[in-house]
Amino acid sequence: MVDAVAMVTGGGGGGGGLRNGGGAGEEVAERGPGAAYQAFVLMEELRDKLKLLGCEEEEALRRHNMRPLSRHYFALPTNPGEQFFMFCTLAAWLITKAGHPFEQPQEYDDPNAVISNILSELRSFGRPVDFPPSKLKAGYGEQVCYVLDCLADEALKYSGFSWKRPVYPTEELEEEEITEDDAELTLNKLEEDVVEEESDNEENFIDLNVLKAQTYRSDINDSTKQEEILQSTTDAAEWNLEVERVLPQLKVTVRTDNKDWRIHVDQMHQHKDGIESSLKETRGYLDKLHNEISRTLEKINSREKYINNQLEHLVQEYRSAQALLSEAREKYQEGSGGVTERSRVLSEITEVLEKVKQETEEKGSSMTDGAPLVKIKQALTKLKQETIQMDIQIGVMEHTLLQSKLKEKSNMTRDMHATVIPEPTVGAY
């Protein structure tokens, strides 16, 4: 507690360190090697100040399902969305605690507008803001801790908080109260629980088996001594002191079973209470939203009726224009169909015309061209040359045949006038 008091009293110094060393123009090196851990120091101080303000016990914060802040919640990034919403909720609560009415931010509010409103309230307290607002969008960091720490200081000032000397409590031995459990006890369950308790807390509880054995032995001894003891000599005060000394050790605890129907009933009642408390808050927002939507719908309906009444003649003209447009489109479609058919016929005629033109050009070029005549003359000249060559060959062949006939005739004449036919000649014929 003394450490927490010392840390809280140094809260102003932590904020001053941010103001002195957190300027946009200064470098981190000028702030010293501990500048990186300034957020952790501010977060420790902020946590202690929130405890002094009763943050965890406030009903306004419970309905947001805010868990107790850890030592480094706003110093390290864990869940930026959740951290930013927690920052906005805590800032709004601290501003309200400081005496300035501030509307609690909702989930769908503009983040830039919420940050601007928080910084405006911080400036109204006389606290300097020498960093860009975008630093707060992350929901963690030195700037976030600085803003919340300054607002916590202002809330403590407004509440009139002052430090007092610490009062150290005197240590007294507290008697353990016997917790009574209304749960149903069965013999088997009681023995199982006793065995578990013996295994867990052997130092605090007495073993029931040993106790039974001792009781049995004591009963035997008492039965033998009943005749001897006729009057008790024990002091009542000592008896009561012994009972008070032994009573905590005779405590029998029964562990609750999670499957017990009583626990489920208690959980159902707790959930029911939570739903009813949430419904009370939510119903107000829903009714407000319903009223706004109803008013907006009424305005829209009235405006629509007014516009319809004012533009009735224009609507009629528009409908007539639409009818004329539809008729014109039908005529256009019919005309476009005829144009398409005629375009197809035109393309066919054009193709035929192109073929006729091509044939005419070919015939005209062939009639005006002298190449065929030249070819005919060349062919005739070639025929004449071939004819002359053939005549020469025919003349040579006739001359050869004539010579052969004359030779054959001379040979026959000579053979006829020869008196003796030589043998080779005879063999030749």
Protein backbone atom coordinates (compact mmCIF):
# COMPACT_ATOMS: atom_id res chain seq x y z
CA MET A 1 0.00 0.00 0.00
CA VAL A 2 2.87 2.35 0.80
CA ASP A 3 4.41 1.61 -2.60
CA ALA A 4 1.06 2.31 -4.28
CA VAL A 5 0.76 5.62 -2.39
CA ALA A 6 4.25 6.62 -3.44
CA MET A 7 3.51 5.74 -7.04
CA VAL A 8 0.23 7.68 -7.06
CA THR A 9 1.85 10.73 -5.49
CA GLY A 10 4.36 10.67 -8.33
CA GLY A 11 1.56 10.66 -10.95
CA GLY A 12 2.05 14.32 -11.72
CA GLY A 13 5.70 13.69 -12.37
CA GLY A 14 4.81 10.90 -14.80
CA GLY A 15 2.50 13.17 -16.74
CA GLY A 16 5.11 15.89 -16.71
CA GLY A 17 7.64 13.43 -18.10
CA LEU A 18 5.32 12.81 -21.07
CA ARG A 19 4.83 16.51 -21.59
CA ASN A 20 8.52 17.31 -21.30
CA GLY A 21 9.79 14.41 -23.33
CA GLY A 22 6.90 13.54 -25.63
CA GLY A 23 7.03 16.53 -27.96
CA ALA A 24 6.71 15.95 -31.68
CA GLY A 25 10.01 17.75 -32.41
CA GLU A 26 12.20 16.05 -29.82
CA GLU A 27 13.97 12.79 -30.46
CA VAL A 28 13.65 9.69 -28.32
CA ALA A 29 17.36 9.71 -27.62
CA GLU A 30 17.06 13.03 -25.82
CA ARG A 31 14.53 11.54 -23.38
CA GLY A 32 16.95 8.97 -22.07
CA PRO A 33 17.06 5.16 -22.21
CA GLY A 34 13.99 4.84 -19.96
CA ALA A 35 11.64 6.59 -22.39
CA ALA A 36 10.52 3.27 -23.86
CA TYR A 37 9.23 2.19 -20.42
CA GLN A 38 7.37 5.42 -19.62
CA ALA A 39 4.07 3.84 -20.69
CA PHE A 40 4.47 1.07 -18.09
CA VAL A 41 5.10 3.62 -15.31
CA LEU A 42 2.05 5.67 -16.32
CA MET A 43 -0.08 2.53 -16.52
CA GLU A 44 0.93 1.50 -12.96
CA GLU A 45 0.01 4.97 -11.64
CA LEU A 46 -3.26 5.00 -13.59
CA ARG A 47 -4.27 1.62 -12.18
CA ASP A 48 -3.73 2.82 -8.59
CA LYS A 49 -5.69 6.02 -9.22
CA LEU A 50 -8.59 4.08 -10.71
CA LYS A 51 -8.67 1.92 -7.59
CA LEU A 52 -8.83 5.06 -5.46
CA LEU A 53 -11.72 6.35 -7.58
CA GLY A 54 -13.61 3.05 -7.19
CA CYS A 55 -13.55 2.20 -10.89
CA GLU A 56 -14.14 -1.52 -10.40
CA GLU A 57 -17.10 -0.96 -8.04
CA GLU A 58 -18.89 1.58 -10.28
CA GLU A 59 -22.18 0.30 -11.70
CA ALA A 60 -21.77 2.48 -14.80
CA LEU A 61 -18.67 0.50 -15.76
CA ARG A 62 -20.07 -2.91 -14.88
CA ARG A 63 -22.76 -2.68 -17.52
CA HIS A 64 -20.02 -2.44 -20.17
CA ASN A 65 -18.64 -5.80 -18.98
CA MET A 66 -15.28 -4.22 -18.23
CA ARG A 67 -12.81 -6.54 -16.63
CA PRO A 68 -10.28 -5.30 -14.07
CA LEU A 69 -7.34 -3.72 -15.82
CA SER A 70 -4.05 -5.57 -15.79
CA ARG A 71 -0.76 -3.88 -14.98
CA HIS A 72 0.17 -3.42 -18.65
CA TYR A 73 -3.26 -3.21 -20.30
CA PHE A 74 -2.74 0.12 -22.12
CA ALA A 75 1.06 -0.25 -22.36
CA LEU A 76 1.15 -3.30 -24.66
CA PRO A 77 -0.95 -4.09 -27.76
CA THR A 78 -3.34 -7.00 -27.19
CA ASN A 79 -6.65 -6.24 -28.93
CA PRO A 80 -6.70 -2.74 -30.52
CA GLY A 81 -10.48 -2.64 -30.96
CA GLU A 82 -11.22 -3.65 -27.37
CA GLN A 83 -8.46 -1.39 -26.00
CA PHE A 84 -9.77 1.63 -27.92
CA PHE A 85 -13.33 1.07 -26.67
CA MET A 86 -12.02 0.63 -23.11
CA PHE A 87 -10.00 3.84 -23.46
CA CYS A 88 -13.03 5.84 -24.67
CA THR A 89 -15.26 4.41 -21.91
CA LEU A 90 -12.72 5.12 -19.16
CA ALA A 91 -12.04 8.63 -20.51
CA ALA A 92 -15.77 9.46 -20.58
CA TRP A 93 -16.21 8.10 -17.04
CA LEU A 94 -13.22 10.08 -15.71
CA ILE A 95 -14.41 13.29 -17.39
CA THR A 96 -17.81 12.82 -15.76
CA LYS A 97 -16.09 12.16 -12.42
CA ALA A 98 -14.12 15.38 -12.89
CA GLY A 99 -17.36 17.38 -12.99
CA HIS A 100 -17.78 17.83 -16.75
CA PRO A 101 -20.84 16.07 -18.21
CA PHE A 102 -19.75 13.81 -21.05
CA GLU A 103 -21.91 11.43 -23.05
CA GLN A 104 -20.82 7.81 -22.92
CA PRO A 105 -19.48 6.78 -26.37
CA GLN A 106 -21.26 4.01 -28.21
CA GLU A 107 -19.90 1.23 -30.39
CA TYR A 108 -20.83 2.80 -33.73
CA ASP A 109 -19.69 6.37 -32.99
CA ASP A 110 -17.07 8.04 -35.15
CA PRO A 111 -13.62 7.41 -33.55
CA ASN A 112 -12.25 10.74 -34.77
CA ALA A 113 -15.13 12.67 -33.22
CA VAL A 114 -14.81 10.83 -29.89
CA ILE A 115 -11.04 11.47 -29.75
CA SER A 116 -11.56 15.14 -30.61
CA ASN A 117 -14.13 15.53 -27.82
CA ILE A 118 -11.84 13.84 -25.27
CA LEU A 119 -8.87 16.03 -26.22
CA SER A 120 -11.07 19.15 -26.05
CA GLU A 121 -12.08 18.23 -22.49
CA LEU A 122 -8.43 17.56 -21.63
CA ARG A 123 -7.44 21.00 -22.94
CA SER A 124 -10.27 22.57 -20.93
CA PHE A 125 -8.58 21.22 -17.78
CA GLY A 126 -5.42 23.11 -18.74
CA ARG A 127 -3.47 20.02 -19.81
CA PRO A 128 -1.27 20.40 -22.90
CA VAL A 129 -1.68 18.05 -25.84
CA ASP A 130 1.47 17.98 -27.97
CA PHE A 131 0.88 14.81 -30.00
CA PRO A 132 -1.35 14.03 -33.01
CA PRO A 133 -4.84 12.59 -32.27
CA SER A 134 -4.08 9.57 -34.46
CA LYS A 135 -1.80 8.24 -31.70
CA LEU A 136 -4.92 7.46 -29.63
CA LYS A 137 -6.63 5.37 -32.32
CA ALA A 138 -4.48 2.34 -31.54
CA GLY A 139 -5.92 2.15 -28.01
CA TYR A 140 -2.52 1.65 -26.36
CA GLY A 141 0.76 3.44 -25.91
CA GLU A 142 2.27 6.28 -23.91
CA GLN A 143 -0.17 8.90 -25.19
CA VAL A 144 -3.22 6.83 -24.15
CA CYS A 145 -1.79 6.32 -20.65
CA TYR A 146 -0.96 10.04 -20.44
CA VAL A 147 -4.52 11.12 -21.32
CA LEU A 148 -6.13 8.73 -18.83
CA ASP A 149 -3.60 9.64 -16.13
CA CYS A 150 -4.33 13.36 -16.51
CA LEU A 151 -8.09 12.76 -16.41
CA ALA A 152 -7.67 10.59 -13.29
CA ASP A 153 -5.74 13.43 -11.61
CA GLU A 154 -8.56 15.86 -12.40
CA ALA A 155 -11.16 13.40 -11.09
CA LEU A 156 -9.23 13.01 -7.82
CA LYS A 157 -8.99 16.80 -7.49
CA TYR A 158 -12.71 17.24 -8.09
CA SER A 159 -13.63 14.54 -5.57
CA GLY A 160 -11.56 16.31 -2.90
CA PHE A 161 -9.22 13.41 -2.36
CA SER A 162 -6.39 14.03 0.10
CA TRP A 163 -3.67 11.81 1.42
CA LYS A 164 -3.72 10.75 5.05
CA ARG A 165 -1.28 8.99 7.27
CA PRO A 166 -1.41 5.23 6.80
CA VAL A 167 -3.19 3.32 9.55
CA TYR A 168 -1.66 -0.07 10.10
CA PRO A 169 -4.20 -2.68 11.24
CA THR A 170 -3.54 -4.71 14.36
CA GLU A 171 -3.22 -8.38 13.74
CA GLU A 172 -5.89 -10.39 15.52
CA LEU A 173 -6.52 -14.06 15.43
CA GLU A 174 -9.75 -14.53 13.60
CA GLU A 175 -11.86 -17.49 14.49
CA GLU A 176 -12.82 -19.60 11.58
CA GLU A 177 -16.51 -19.60 11.02
CA ILE A 178 -18.24 -22.84 10.39
CA THR A 179 -19.75 -22.74 6.93
CA GLU A 180 -23.00 -24.53 6.77
CA ASP A 181 -23.96 -26.04 3.48
CA ASP A 182 -27.56 -26.87 2.73
CA ALA A 183 -26.55 -29.47 0.21
CA GLU A 184 -27.87 -32.94 0.78
CA LEU A 185 -25.38 -35.26 2.41
CA THR A 186 -25.19 -38.93 1.72
CA LEU A 187 -23.00 -41.37 3.59
CA ASN A 188 -20.98 -42.43 0.53
CA LYS A 189 -20.51 -38.84 -0.66
CA LEU A 190 -19.49 -37.72 2.83
CA GLU A 191 -16.88 -40.48 3.08
CA GLU A 192 -15.50 -39.59 -0.38
CA ASP A 193 -15.32 -35.90 0.52
CA VAL A 194 -13.66 -36.73 3.82
CA VAL A 195 -11.05 -38.84 2.02
CA GLU A 196 -10.37 -35.97 -0.41
CA GLU A 197 -10.12 -33.47 2.43
CA GLU A 198 -7.70 -35.78 4.23
CA SER A 199 -5.49 -35.98 1.15
CA ASP A 200 -5.61 -32.19 0.58
CA ASN A 201 -5.43 -30.77 4.11
CA GLU A 202 -3.79 -33.32 6.40
CA GLU A 203 -2.48 -30.59 8.66
CA ASN A 204 -5.79 -28.80 9.33
CA PHE A 205 -8.30 -31.64 9.67
CA ILE A 206 -8.44 -34.74 11.81
CA ASP A 207 -8.56 -38.14 10.20
CA LEU A 208 -12.08 -39.48 10.77
CA ASN A 209 -10.91 -43.08 10.87
CA VAL A 210 -8.41 -42.27 13.59
CA LEU A 211 -11.11 -40.30 15.36
CA LYS A 212 -13.47 -43.28 15.18
CA ALA A 213 -10.79 -45.59 16.57
CA GLN A 214 -10.02 -43.21 19.38
CA THR A 215 -13.71 -42.83 20.13
CA TYR A 216 -14.13 -46.60 20.19
CA ARG A 217 -11.20 -47.04 22.56
CA SER A 218 -12.43 -44.20 24.72
CA ASP A 219 -15.86 -45.84 24.88
CA ILE A 220 -14.29 -49.09 26.09
CA ASN A 221 -12.25 -47.25 28.69
CA ASP A 222 -15.30 -45.26 29.78
CA SER A 223 -17.34 -48.43 30.17
CA THR A 224 -14.69 -49.82 32.49
CA LYS A 225 -14.48 -46.59 34.42
CA GLN A 226 -18.19 -45.86 34.72
CA GLU A 227 -18.33 -47.45 38.09
CA GLU A 228 -15.33 -45.42 39.28
CA ILE A 229 -16.52 -41.99 38.02
CA LEU A 230 -19.45 -40.85 40.04
CA GLN A 231 -19.00 -37.08 39.72
CA SER A 232 -17.20 -34.95 37.08
CA THR A 233 -14.25 -32.90 38.28
CA THR A 234 -13.71 -30.98 34.95
CA ASP A 235 -14.00 -27.18 35.06
CA ALA A 236 -16.69 -25.76 32.75
CA ALA A 237 -14.48 -22.84 31.65
CA GLU A 238 -11.66 -25.20 30.70
CA TRP A 239 -14.15 -27.39 28.88
CA ASN A 240 -15.42 -24.42 26.83
CA LEU A 241 -11.85 -23.35 26.01
CA GLU A 242 -11.02 -26.86 24.85
CA VAL A 243 -14.18 -26.96 22.75
CA GLU A 244 -13.28 -23.64 21.10
CA ARG A 245 -9.74 -24.89 20.45
CA VAL A 246 -10.80 -28.16 18.87
CA LEU A 247 -13.91 -26.87 17.08
CA PRO A 248 -12.11 -25.56 13.92
CA GLN A 249 -10.40 -28.92 13.51
CA LEU A 250 -13.72 -30.74 13.59
CA LYS A 251 -15.04 -28.78 10.64
CA VAL A 252 -16.45 -30.97 7.86
CA THR A 253 -16.65 -29.31 4.46
CA VAL A 254 -18.60 -30.67 1.56
CA ARG A 255 -17.37 -29.73 -1.88
CA THR A 256 -20.00 -28.48 -4.25
CA ASP A 257 -20.58 -30.53 -7.34
CA ASN A 258 -20.93 -28.66 -10.63
CA LYS A 259 -23.57 -31.18 -11.69
CA ASP A 260 -25.80 -30.33 -8.75
CA TRP A 261 -29.16 -28.87 -9.83
CA ARG A 262 -28.94 -26.17 -7.14
CA ILE A 263 -25.86 -24.69 -8.81
CA HIS A 264 -27.65 -24.64 -12.15
CA VAL A 265 -30.63 -22.90 -10.55
CA ASP A 266 -28.34 -20.28 -9.00
CA GLN A 267 -26.65 -19.75 -12.36
CA MET A 268 -30.06 -19.37 -14.02
CA HIS A 269 -31.07 -16.75 -11.45
CA GLN A 270 -27.77 -14.89 -11.98
CA HIS A 271 -28.19 -14.95 -15.76
CA LYS A 272 -31.78 -13.82 -15.38
CA ASP A 273 -30.73 -10.87 -13.21
CA GLY A 274 -28.00 -9.99 -15.70
CA ILE A 275 -30.45 -10.14 -18.61
CA GLU A 276 -32.96 -7.98 -16.78
CA SER A 277 -30.32 -5.38 -15.87
CA SER A 278 -29.03 -5.32 -19.44
CA LEU A 279 -32.59 -5.16 -20.77
CA LYS A 280 -33.35 -2.06 -18.71
CA GLU A 281 -30.44 -0.21 -20.25
CA THR A 282 -30.93 -1.60 -23.72
CA ARG A 283 -34.67 -0.88 -23.74
CA GLY A 284 -34.00 2.83 -23.32
CA TYR A 285 -31.65 2.88 -26.32
CA LEU A 286 -34.05 0.77 -28.38
CA ASP A 287 -37.02 2.99 -27.50
CA LYS A 288 -35.00 6.06 -28.41
CA LEU A 289 -33.94 4.46 -31.69
CA HIS A 290 -37.54 3.36 -32.38
CA ASN A 291 -38.85 6.87 -31.80
CA GLU A 292 -36.21 8.36 -34.08
CA ILE A 293 -36.95 5.82 -36.81
CA SER A 294 -40.71 6.43 -36.46
CA ARG A 295 -40.26 10.18 -36.77
CA THR A 296 -37.98 9.73 -39.76
CA LEU A 297 -40.50 7.43 -41.48
CA GLU A 298 -43.31 9.90 -40.86
CA LYS A 299 -41.22 12.69 -42.35
CA ILE A 300 -40.38 10.53 -45.35
CA ASN A 301 -44.06 9.60 -45.90
CA SER A 302 -45.23 13.22 -45.63
CA ARG A 303 -42.49 14.40 -47.94
CA GLU A 304 -43.32 11.64 -50.43
CA LYS A 305 -47.00 12.62 -50.44
CA TYR A 306 -46.09 16.27 -50.96
CA ILE A 307 -43.76 15.44 -53.83
CA ASN A 308 -46.39 13.19 -55.44
CA ASN A 309 -49.01 15.95 -55.24
CA GLN A 310 -46.67 18.58 -56.65
CA LEU A 311 -45.39 16.42 -59.48
CA GLU A 312 -48.63 14.73 -60.53
CA HIS A 313 -48.87 16.53 -63.90
CA LEU A 314 -45.21 15.84 -64.58
CA VAL A 315 -45.80 12.17 -63.82
CA GLN A 316 -48.68 12.09 -66.32
CA GLU A 317 -46.50 13.73 -68.96
CA TYR A 318 -43.78 11.26 -68.20
CA ARG A 319 -46.16 8.33 -68.61
CA SER A 320 -47.44 9.67 -71.96
CA ALA A 321 -43.85 10.20 -73.09
CA GLN A 322 -43.07 6.63 -72.05
CA ALA A 323 -46.01 5.34 -74.13
CA LEU A 324 -44.85 7.34 -77.18
CA LEU A 325 -41.33 6.08 -76.65
CA SER A 326 -42.50 2.47 -76.58
CA GLU A 327 -44.48 2.96 -79.82
CA ALA A 328 -41.47 4.60 -81.48
CA ARG A 329 -39.30 1.70 -80.38
CA GLU A 330 -41.70 -0.82 -81.89
CA LYS A 331 -41.72 1.07 -85.19
CA TYR A 332 -37.97 1.33 -85.11
CA GLN A 333 -37.67 -2.41 -84.57
CA GLU A 334 -40.00 -3.10 -87.50
CA GLY A 335 -38.09 -0.66 -89.72
CA SER A 336 -34.76 -2.06 -88.62
CA GLY A 337 -35.98 -5.56 -89.56
CA GLY A 338 -36.81 -4.42 -93.14
CA VAL A 339 -33.52 -2.58 -93.42
CA THR A 340 -31.67 -5.71 -92.38
CA GLU A 341 -33.41 -7.81 -95.07
CA ARG A 342 -32.70 -5.22 -97.72
CA SER A 343 -29.10 -4.96 -96.61
CA ARG A 344 -28.74 -8.72 -97.06
CA VAL A 345 -30.21 -8.58 -100.61
CA LEU A 346 -27.95 -5.64 -101.42
CA SER A 347 -24.91 -7.57 -100.29
CA GLU A 348 -25.87 -10.53 -102.52
CA ILE A 349 -26.41 -8.25 -105.54
CA THR A 350 -23.11 -6.55 -104.85
CA GLU A 351 -21.32 -9.90 -104.88
CA VAL A 352 -22.89 -10.87 -108.22
CA LEU A 353 -21.99 -7.47 -109.66
CA GLU A 354 -18.40 -7.89 -108.52
CA LYS A 355 -18.20 -11.26 -110.27
CA VAL A 356 -19.63 -9.80 -113.54
CA LYS A 357 -17.20 -6.89 -113.41
CA GLN A 358 -14.32 -9.28 -112.90
CA GLU A 359 -15.35 -11.43 -115.89
CA THR A 360 -15.85 -8.35 -118.09
CA GLU A 361 -12.45 -7.02 -117.20
CA GLU A 362 -10.85 -10.37 -117.99
CA LYS A 363 -12.56 -10.54 -121.37
CA GLY A 364 -11.70 -6.94 -122.24
CA SER A 365 -8.10 -7.41 -121.29
CA SER A 366 -7.93 -10.58 -123.38
CA MET A 367 -9.45 -8.78 -126.46
CA THR A 368 -7.14 -5.81 -126.35
CA ASP A 369 -4.06 -7.82 -125.57
CA GLY A 370 -1.72 -8.86 -128.58
CA ALA A 371 0.00 -11.63 -126.75
CA PRO A 372 -2.20 -14.43 -128.21
CA LEU A 373 -1.51 -13.23 -131.77
CA VAL A 374 2.20 -13.23 -131.11
CA LYS A 375 1.92 -16.71 -129.69
CA ILE A 376 0.04 -17.86 -132.85
CA LYS A 377 2.68 -16.38 -135.13
CA GLN A 378 5.44 -18.02 -133.14
CA ALA A 379 3.58 -21.34 -133.33
CA LEU A 380 3.14 -21.00 -137.13
CA THR A 381 6.84 -20.21 -137.58
CA LYS A 382 7.72 -23.21 -135.49
CA LEU A 383 5.35 -25.38 -137.57
CA LYS A 384 6.96 -24.13 -140.76
CA GLN A 385 10.43 -24.94 -139.50
CA GLU A 386 9.33 -28.38 -138.43
CA THR A 387 7.66 -28.90 -141.85
CA ILE A 388 10.89 -27.96 -143.66
CA GLN A 389 12.88 -30.32 -141.45
CA MET A 390 10.37 -33.08 -142.14
CA ASP A 391 10.61 -32.44 -145.91
CA ILE A 392 14.39 -32.63 -145.72
CA GLN A 393 14.21 -35.87 -143.81
CA ILE A 394 11.65 -37.28 -146.29
CA GLY A 395 13.94 -36.35 -149.21
CA VAL A 396 16.92 -38.00 -147.55
CA MET A 397 14.85 -41.11 -146.88
CA GLU A 398 13.63 -41.24 -150.51
CA HIS A 399 17.19 -40.83 -151.79
CA THR A 400 18.38 -43.61 -149.52
CA LEU A 401 15.55 -45.92 -150.65
CA LEU A 402 16.34 -45.12 -154.28
CA GLN A 403 19.98 -45.92 -153.82
CA SER A 404 19.15 -49.17 -152.12
CA LYS A 405 16.73 -50.15 -154.90
CA LEU A 406 19.30 -49.30 -157.59
CA LYS A 407 21.96 -51.25 -155.82
CA GLU A 408 19.61 -54.21 -155.43
CA LYS A 409 18.73 -54.01 -159.13
CA SER A 410 22.36 -53.89 -160.18
CA ASN A 411 23.10 -56.85 -158.00
CA MET A 412 20.22 -58.84 -159.56
CA THR A 413 21.40 -58.00 -163.07
CA ARG A 414 24.87 -59.04 -162.31
CA ASP A 415 23.69 -62.25 -160.77
CA MET A 416 21.61 -63.03 -163.81
CA HIS A 417 24.55 -62.58 -166.18
CA ALA A 418 26.92 -64.54 -163.97
CA THR A 419 27.58 -68.07 -165.22
CA VAL A 420 28.73 -69.53 -161.95
CA ILE A 421 27.03 -68.63 -158.74
CA PRO A 422 29.51 -68.57 -155.95
CA GLU A 423 28.72 -70.53 -152.76
CA PRO A 424 28.53 -67.57 -150.42
CA THR A 425 26.08 -65.98 -152.77
CA VAL A 426 23.91 -69.08 -152.87
CA GLY A 427 23.93 -69.31 -149.15
CA ALA A 428 22.96 -65.65 -148.96
CA TYR A 429 19.76 -66.17 -150.91
